[in-house]
Structure formats: C-alpha cells, structure tokens
All heavy atoms as atom14 arrays in JSON, in Angstrom:
{
  "sequence": "RKALEQVGLLDEDYFMYGEDIDLSCRLLNAGW",
  "atom14_mask": [
    [1, 1, 1, 1, 1, 1, 1, 1, 1, 1, 1, 0, 0, 0],
    [1, 1, 1, 1, 1, 1, 1, 1, 1, 0, 0, 0, 0, 0],
    [1, 1, 1, 1, 1, 0, 0, 0, 0, 0, 0, 0, 0, 0],
    [1, 1, 1, 1, 1, 1, 1, 1, 0, 0, 0, 0, 0, 0],
    [1, 1, 1, 1, 1, 1, 1, 1, 1, 0, 0, 0, 0, 0],
    [1, 1, 1, 1, 1, 1, 1, 1, 1, 0, 0, 0, 0, 0],
    [1, 1, 1, 1, 1, 1, 1, 0, 0, 0, 0, 0, 0, 0],
    [1, 1, 1, 1, 0, 0, 0, 0, 0, 0, 0, 0, 0, 0],
    [1, 1, 1, 1, 1, 1, 1, 1, 0, 0, 0, 0, 0, 0],
    [1, 1, 1, 1, 1, 1, 1, 1, 0, 0, 0, 0, 0, 0],
    [1, 1, 1, 1, 1, 1, 1, 1, 0, 0, 0, 0, 0, 0],
    [1, 1, 1, 1, 1, 1, 1, 1, 1, 0, 0, 0, 0, 0],
    [1, 1, 1, 1, 1, 1, 1, 1, 0, 0, 0, 0, 0, 0],
    [1, 1, 1, 1, 1, 1, 1, 1, 1, 1, 1, 1, 0, 0],
    [1, 1, 1, 1, 1, 1, 1, 1, 1, 1, 1, 0, 0, 0],
    [1, 1, 1, 1, 1, 1, 1, 1, 0, 0, 0, 0, 0, 0],
    [1, 1, 1, 1, 1, 1, 1, 1, 1, 1, 1, 1, 0, 0],
    [1, 1, 1, 1, 0, 0, 0, 0, 0, 0, 0, 0, 0, 0],
    [1, 1, 1, 1, 1, 1, 1, 1, 1, 0, 0, 0, 0, 0],
    [1, 1, 1, 1, 1, 1, 1, 1, 0, 0, 0, 0, 0, 0],
    [1, 1, 1, 1, 1, 1, 1, 1, 0, 0, 0, 0, 0, 0],
    [1, 1, 1, 1, 1, 1, 1, 1, 0, 0, 0, 0, 0, 0],
    [1, 1, 1, 1, 1, 1, 1, 1, 0, 0, 0, 0, 0, 0],
    [1, 1, 1, 1, 1, 1, 0, 0, 0, 0, 0, 0, 0, 0],
    [1, 1, 1, 1, 1, 1, 0, 0, 0, 0, 0, 0, 0, 0],
    [1, 1, 1, 1, 1, 1, 1, 1, 1, 1, 1, 0, 0, 0],
    [1, 1, 1, 1, 1, 1, 1, 1, 0, 0, 0, 0, 0, 0],
    [1, 1, 1, 1, 1, 1, 1, 1, 0, 0, 0, 0, 0, 0],
    [1, 1, 1, 1, 1, 1, 1, 1, 0, 0, 0, 0, 0, 0],
    [1, 1, 1, 1, 1, 0, 0, 0, 0, 0, 0, 0, 0, 0],
    [1, 1, 1, 1, 0, 0, 0, 0, 0, 0, 0, 0, 0, 0],
    [1, 1, 1, 1, 1, 1, 1, 1, 1, 1, 1, 1, 1, 1]
  ],
  "atom14_positions": [
    [[28.92, 19.02, 13.37], [29.11, 17.62, 13.77], [28.4, 17.32, 15.09], [27.85, 16.23, 15.27], [30.59, 17.27, 13.88], [30.83, 15.8, 14.21], [32.29, 15.45, 14.23], [32.89, 15.6, 12.91], [32.88, 14.63, 11.97], [32.29, 13.49, 12.23], [33.43, 14.84, 10.81], [0.0, 0.0, 0.0], [0.0, 0.0, 0.0], [0.0, 0.0, 0.0]],
    [[28.42, 18.28, 16.0], [27.75, 18.07, 17.28], [26.28, 17.73, 17.07], [25.71, 16.9, 17.79], [27.9, 19.33, 18.14], [27.29, 19.22, 19.52], [27.5, 20.51, 20.31], [26.84, 20.44, 21.69], [27.03, 21.72, 22.44], [0.0, 0.0, 0.0], [0.0, 0.0, 0.0], [0.0, 0.0, 0.0], [0.0, 0.0, 0.0], [0.0, 0.0, 0.0]],
    [[25.66, 18.38, 16.09], [24.26, 18.1, 15.78], [24.11, 16.71, 15.18], [23.17, 15.97, 15.52], [23.72, 19.16, 14.83], [0.0, 0.0, 0.0], [0.0, 0.0, 0.0], [0.0, 0.0, 0.0], [0.0, 0.0, 0.0], [0.0, 0.0, 0.0], [0.0, 0.0, 0.0], [0.0, 0.0, 0.0], [0.0, 0.0, 0.0], [0.0, 0.0, 0.0]],
    [[25.03, 16.34, 14.29], [24.99, 15.0, 13.71], [25.14, 13.92, 14.77], [24.49, 12.87, 14.72], [26.1, 14.84, 12.66], [25.87, 15.47, 11.29], [27.11, 15.28, 10.42], [24.65, 14.85, 10.6], [0.0, 0.0, 0.0], [0.0, 0.0, 0.0], [0.0, 0.0, 0.0], [0.0, 0.0, 0.0], [0.0, 0.0, 0.0], [0.0, 0.0, 0.0]],
    [[26.02, 14.16, 15.7], [26.23, 13.18, 16.77], [24.98, 13.01, 17.62], [24.74, 11.93, 18.16], [27.41, 13.62, 17.64], [28.76, 13.5, 16.93], [29.9, 14.09, 17.73], [29.63, 14.82, 18.73], [31.07, 13.84, 17.37], [0.0, 0.0, 0.0], [0.0, 0.0, 0.0], [0.0, 0.0, 0.0], [0.0, 0.0, 0.0], [0.0, 0.0, 0.0]],
    [[24.18, 14.06, 17.71], [22.95, 13.97, 18.49], [21.84, 13.24, 17.74], [21.16, 12.39, 18.31], [22.47, 15.36, 18.89], [21.19, 15.34, 19.71], [20.7, 16.72, 20.07], [21.37, 17.72, 19.85], [19.51, 16.8, 20.65], [0.0, 0.0, 0.0], [0.0, 0.0, 0.0], [0.0, 0.0, 0.0], [0.0, 0.0, 0.0], [0.0, 0.0, 0.0]],
    [[21.65, 13.59, 16.45], [20.48, 13.06, 15.72], [20.81, 11.86, 14.84], [19.91, 11.17, 14.38], [19.83, 14.16, 14.85], [19.5, 15.38, 15.7], [20.71, 14.56, 13.67], [0.0, 0.0, 0.0], [0.0, 0.0, 0.0], [0.0, 0.0, 0.0], [0.0, 0.0, 0.0], [0.0, 0.0, 0.0], [0.0, 0.0, 0.0], [0.0, 0.0, 0.0]],
    [[22.09, 11.6, 14.61], [22.48, 10.5, 13.74], [22.77, 10.96, 12.32], [22.45, 12.09, 11.93], [0.0, 0.0, 0.0], [0.0, 0.0, 0.0], [0.0, 0.0, 0.0], [0.0, 0.0, 0.0], [0.0, 0.0, 0.0], [0.0, 0.0, 0.0], [0.0, 0.0, 0.0], [0.0, 0.0, 0.0], [0.0, 0.0, 0.0], [0.0, 0.0, 0.0]],
    [[23.38, 10.08, 11.55], [23.78, 10.41, 10.18], [22.59, 10.3, 9.22], [21.45, 10.13, 9.65], [24.93, 9.5, 9.75], [26.16, 9.48, 10.66], [27.27, 8.65, 10.04], [26.65, 10.89, 10.97], [0.0, 0.0, 0.0], [0.0, 0.0, 0.0], [0.0, 0.0, 0.0], [0.0, 0.0, 0.0], [0.0, 0.0, 0.0], [0.0, 0.0, 0.0]],
    [[22.87, 10.39, 7.95], [21.82, 10.25, 6.93], [21.19, 8.86, 7.03], [21.88, 7.86, 7.28], [22.4, 10.45, 5.54], [22.95, 11.84, 5.23], [23.71, 11.82, 3.91], [21.85, 12.88, 5.18], [0.0, 0.0, 0.0], [0.0, 0.0, 0.0], [0.0, 0.0, 0.0], [0.0, 0.0, 0.0], [0.0, 0.0, 0.0], [0.0, 0.0, 0.0]],
    [[19.89, 8.79, 6.84], [19.16, 7.53, 6.9], [19.46, 6.73, 5.63], [19.12, 7.15, 4.52], [17.67, 7.81, 7.01], [16.85, 6.54, 7.22], [17.32, 5.44, 6.87], [15.72, 6.65, 7.74], [0.0, 0.0, 0.0], [0.0, 0.0, 0.0], [0.0, 0.0, 0.0], [0.0, 0.0, 0.0], [0.0, 0.0, 0.0], [0.0, 0.0, 0.0]],
    [[20.09, 5.58, 5.78], [20.54, 4.79, 4.63], [19.42, 3.99, 3.98], [19.67, 3.26, 3.01], [21.71, 3.91, 5.04], [22.92, 4.73, 5.46], [24.15, 3.89, 5.8], [24.09, 2.64, 5.65], [25.17, 4.48, 6.22], [0.0, 0.0, 0.0], [0.0, 0.0, 0.0], [0.0, 0.0, 0.0], [0.0, 0.0, 0.0], [0.0, 0.0, 0.0]],
    [[18.2, 4.1, 4.49], [17.06, 3.52, 3.77], [16.82, 4.25, 2.46], [16.26, 3.69, 1.51], [15.79, 3.59, 4.63], [15.78, 2.56, 5.74], [16.59, 1.61, 5.68], [14.97, 2.7, 6.67], [0.0, 0.0, 0.0], [0.0, 0.0, 0.0], [0.0, 0.0, 0.0], [0.0, 0.0, 0.0], [0.0, 0.0, 0.0], [0.0, 0.0, 0.0]],
    [[17.24, 5.52, 2.4], [17.12, 6.3, 1.17], [18.34, 6.01, 0.3], [19.47, 6.12, 0.76], [17.1, 7.8, 1.47], [15.96, 8.27, 2.34], [16.11, 8.35, 3.72], [14.75, 8.68, 1.78], [15.08, 8.8, 4.53], [13.71, 9.14, 2.59], [13.88, 9.19, 3.96], [12.87, 9.64, 4.76], [0.0, 0.0, 0.0], [0.0, 0.0, 0.0]],
    [[18.11, 5.69, -0.96], [19.23, 5.51, -1.89], [19.67, 6.87, -2.41], [20.86, 7.19, -2.45], [18.81, 4.61, -3.05], [19.93, 4.36, -4.04], [20.9, 3.4, -3.79], [20.01, 5.1, -5.21], [21.93, 3.18, -4.69], [21.04, 4.89, -6.12], [22.0, 3.92, -5.85], [0.0, 0.0, 0.0], [0.0, 0.0, 0.0], [0.0, 0.0, 0.0]],
    [[18.7, 7.66, -2.81], [18.96, 9.0, -3.33], [17.63, 9.76, -3.29], [16.59, 9.17, -3.59], [19.49, 8.93, -4.77], [19.93, 10.25, -5.36], [20.88, 10.04, -6.9], [19.72, 9.13, -7.92], [0.0, 0.0, 0.0], [0.0, 0.0, 0.0], [0.0, 0.0, 0.0], [0.0, 0.0, 0.0], [0.0, 0.0, 0.0], [0.0, 0.0, 0.0]],
    [[17.68, 11.01, -2.88], [16.51, 11.87, -2.7], [15.83, 11.57, -1.36], [15.67, 10.41, -0.98], [15.49, 11.74, -3.84], [16.08, 11.9, -5.2], [16.09, 10.84, -6.1], [16.67, 13.09, -5.59], [16.66, 10.97, -7.36], [17.24, 13.24, -6.84], [17.24, 12.16, -7.72], [17.8, 12.3, -8.95], [0.0, 0.0, 0.0], [0.0, 0.0, 0.0]],
    [[15.44, 12.62, -0.68], [14.69, 12.49, 0.57], [15.53, 12.48, 1.83], [15.05, 12.87, 2.9], [0.0, 0.0, 0.0], [0.0, 0.0, 0.0], [0.0, 0.0, 0.0], [0.0, 0.0, 0.0], [0.0, 0.0, 0.0], [0.0, 0.0, 0.0], [0.0, 0.0, 0.0], [0.0, 0.0, 0.0], [0.0, 0.0, 0.0], [0.0, 0.0, 0.0]],
    [[16.8, 12.05, 1.71], [17.62, 11.96, 2.92], [17.94, 13.33, 3.51], [18.09, 13.49, 4.72], [18.92, 11.18, 2.66], [19.83, 11.75, 1.6], [19.37, 11.47, 0.18], [19.37, 10.3, -0.24], [19.03, 12.44, -0.51], [0.0, 0.0, 0.0], [0.0, 0.0, 0.0], [0.0, 0.0, 0.0], [0.0, 0.0, 0.0], [0.0, 0.0, 0.0]],
    [[18.03, 14.34, 2.65], [18.27, 15.7, 3.16], [17.05, 16.23, 3.91], [17.19, 16.9, 4.95], [18.67, 16.65, 2.02], [17.72, 16.63, 0.84], [16.79, 15.78, 0.81], [17.88, 17.46, -0.07], [0.0, 0.0, 0.0], [0.0, 0.0, 0.0], [0.0, 0.0, 0.0], [0.0, 0.0, 0.0], [0.0, 0.0, 0.0], [0.0, 0.0, 0.0]],
    [[15.85, 15.93, 3.41], [14.63, 16.34, 4.09], [14.54, 15.64, 5.44], [14.25, 16.25, 6.47], [13.39, 16.02, 3.23], [13.48, 16.74, 1.88], [12.12, 16.41, 3.96], [12.37, 16.35, 0.92], [0.0, 0.0, 0.0], [0.0, 0.0, 0.0], [0.0, 0.0, 0.0], [0.0, 0.0, 0.0], [0.0, 0.0, 0.0], [0.0, 0.0, 0.0]],
    [[14.8, 14.35, 5.43], [14.73, 13.55, 6.65], [15.69, 14.08, 7.72], [15.31, 14.28, 8.87], [15.06, 12.1, 6.31], [15.04, 11.2, 7.53], [13.96, 10.71, 7.89], [16.12, 10.99, 8.14], [0.0, 0.0, 0.0], [0.0, 0.0, 0.0], [0.0, 0.0, 0.0], [0.0, 0.0, 0.0], [0.0, 0.0, 0.0], [0.0, 0.0, 0.0]],
    [[16.95, 14.34, 7.33], [17.94, 14.84, 8.29], [17.56, 16.23, 8.78], [17.68, 16.53, 9.98], [19.33, 14.86, 7.66], [20.47, 15.38, 8.54], [20.55, 14.62, 9.86], [21.8, 15.31, 7.8], [0.0, 0.0, 0.0], [0.0, 0.0, 0.0], [0.0, 0.0, 0.0], [0.0, 0.0, 0.0], [0.0, 0.0, 0.0], [0.0, 0.0, 0.0]],
    [[17.09, 17.08, 7.89], [16.67, 18.43, 8.29], [15.57, 18.37, 9.35], [15.61, 19.1, 10.35], [16.15, 19.21, 7.08], [17.17, 19.43, 6.12], [0.0, 0.0, 0.0], [0.0, 0.0, 0.0], [0.0, 0.0, 0.0], [0.0, 0.0, 0.0], [0.0, 0.0, 0.0], [0.0, 0.0, 0.0], [0.0, 0.0, 0.0], [0.0, 0.0, 0.0]],
    [[14.6, 17.49, 9.14], [13.49, 17.38, 10.09], [13.95, 16.8, 11.42], [13.47, 17.23, 12.49], [12.38, 16.52, 9.49], [11.53, 17.32, 8.1], [0.0, 0.0, 0.0], [0.0, 0.0, 0.0], [0.0, 0.0, 0.0], [0.0, 0.0, 0.0], [0.0, 0.0, 0.0], [0.0, 0.0, 0.0], [0.0, 0.0, 0.0], [0.0, 0.0, 0.0]],
    [[14.88, 15.87, 11.39], [15.4, 15.32, 12.64], [16.17, 16.38, 13.44], [16.12, 16.41, 14.67], [16.28, 14.1, 12.37], [15.48, 12.85, 12.0], [16.35, 11.62, 11.94], [17.11, 11.53, 10.72], [18.41, 11.31, 10.65], [19.13, 11.21, 11.76], [19.03, 11.22, 9.48], [0.0, 0.0, 0.0], [0.0, 0.0, 0.0], [0.0, 0.0, 0.0]],
    [[16.87, 17.25, 12.73], [17.56, 18.35, 13.4], [16.56, 19.28, 14.07], [16.73, 19.68, 15.23], [18.42, 19.13, 12.4], [19.68, 18.43, 11.89], [20.27, 19.18, 10.7], [20.73, 18.32, 13.0], [0.0, 0.0, 0.0], [0.0, 0.0, 0.0], [0.0, 0.0, 0.0], [0.0, 0.0, 0.0], [0.0, 0.0, 0.0], [0.0, 0.0, 0.0]],
    [[15.5, 19.63, 13.35], [14.47, 20.49, 13.92], [13.81, 19.83, 15.13], [13.58, 20.48, 16.16], [13.42, 20.83, 12.87], [13.85, 21.7, 11.69], [12.69, 21.84, 10.71], [14.32, 23.06, 12.15], [0.0, 0.0, 0.0], [0.0, 0.0, 0.0], [0.0, 0.0, 0.0], [0.0, 0.0, 0.0], [0.0, 0.0, 0.0], [0.0, 0.0, 0.0]],
    [[13.51, 18.56, 15.01], [12.85, 17.85, 16.1], [13.73, 17.79, 17.36], [13.22, 17.72, 18.48], [12.5, 16.42, 15.68], [11.43, 16.38, 14.61], [10.7, 17.35, 14.39], [11.32, 15.26, 13.91], [0.0, 0.0, 0.0], [0.0, 0.0, 0.0], [0.0, 0.0, 0.0], [0.0, 0.0, 0.0], [0.0, 0.0, 0.0], [0.0, 0.0, 0.0]],
    [[15.05, 17.84, 17.16], [15.98, 17.8, 18.3], [16.26, 19.18, 18.87], [17.04, 19.31, 19.82], [17.28, 17.13, 17.86], [0.0, 0.0, 0.0], [0.0, 0.0, 0.0], [0.0, 0.0, 0.0], [0.0, 0.0, 0.0], [0.0, 0.0, 0.0], [0.0, 0.0, 0.0], [0.0, 0.0, 0.0], [0.0, 0.0, 0.0], [0.0, 0.0, 0.0]],
    [[15.64, 20.21, 18.31], [15.79, 21.56, 18.84], [16.8, 22.44, 18.14], [17.03, 23.59, 18.54], [0.0, 0.0, 0.0], [0.0, 0.0, 0.0], [0.0, 0.0, 0.0], [0.0, 0.0, 0.0], [0.0, 0.0, 0.0], [0.0, 0.0, 0.0], [0.0, 0.0, 0.0], [0.0, 0.0, 0.0], [0.0, 0.0, 0.0], [0.0, 0.0, 0.0]],
    [[17.44, 21.94, 17.08], [18.38, 22.75, 16.31], [17.62, 23.64, 15.34], [16.47, 23.37, 14.98], [19.35, 21.86, 15.54], [20.27, 21.07, 16.42], [20.09, 19.79, 16.84], [21.51, 21.51, 16.99], [21.14, 19.4, 17.64], [22.02, 20.44, 17.75], [22.23, 22.7, 16.93], [23.22, 20.52, 18.44], [23.43, 22.8, 17.62], [23.92, 21.72, 18.37]]
  ]
}
C-alpha cells in the first residue's frame, strides 16, 4: 500500500488490459 500511495492507483483510462503494465512501470519509475 505504501507504494500505491506514492504512485497512485490503477489508471482508470484503461477499461481492461494494460493497467497492470502501467502500474508496474510507475512503480519502477518511482524506485520500487
């Protein structure tokens, strides 16, 4: 959760597919 609080939740522009890739990359970009 600490990581989610830093980078934000799933991007709701995605209806289905791609949101996991997007969140994974945001975590990496934030240093996780």
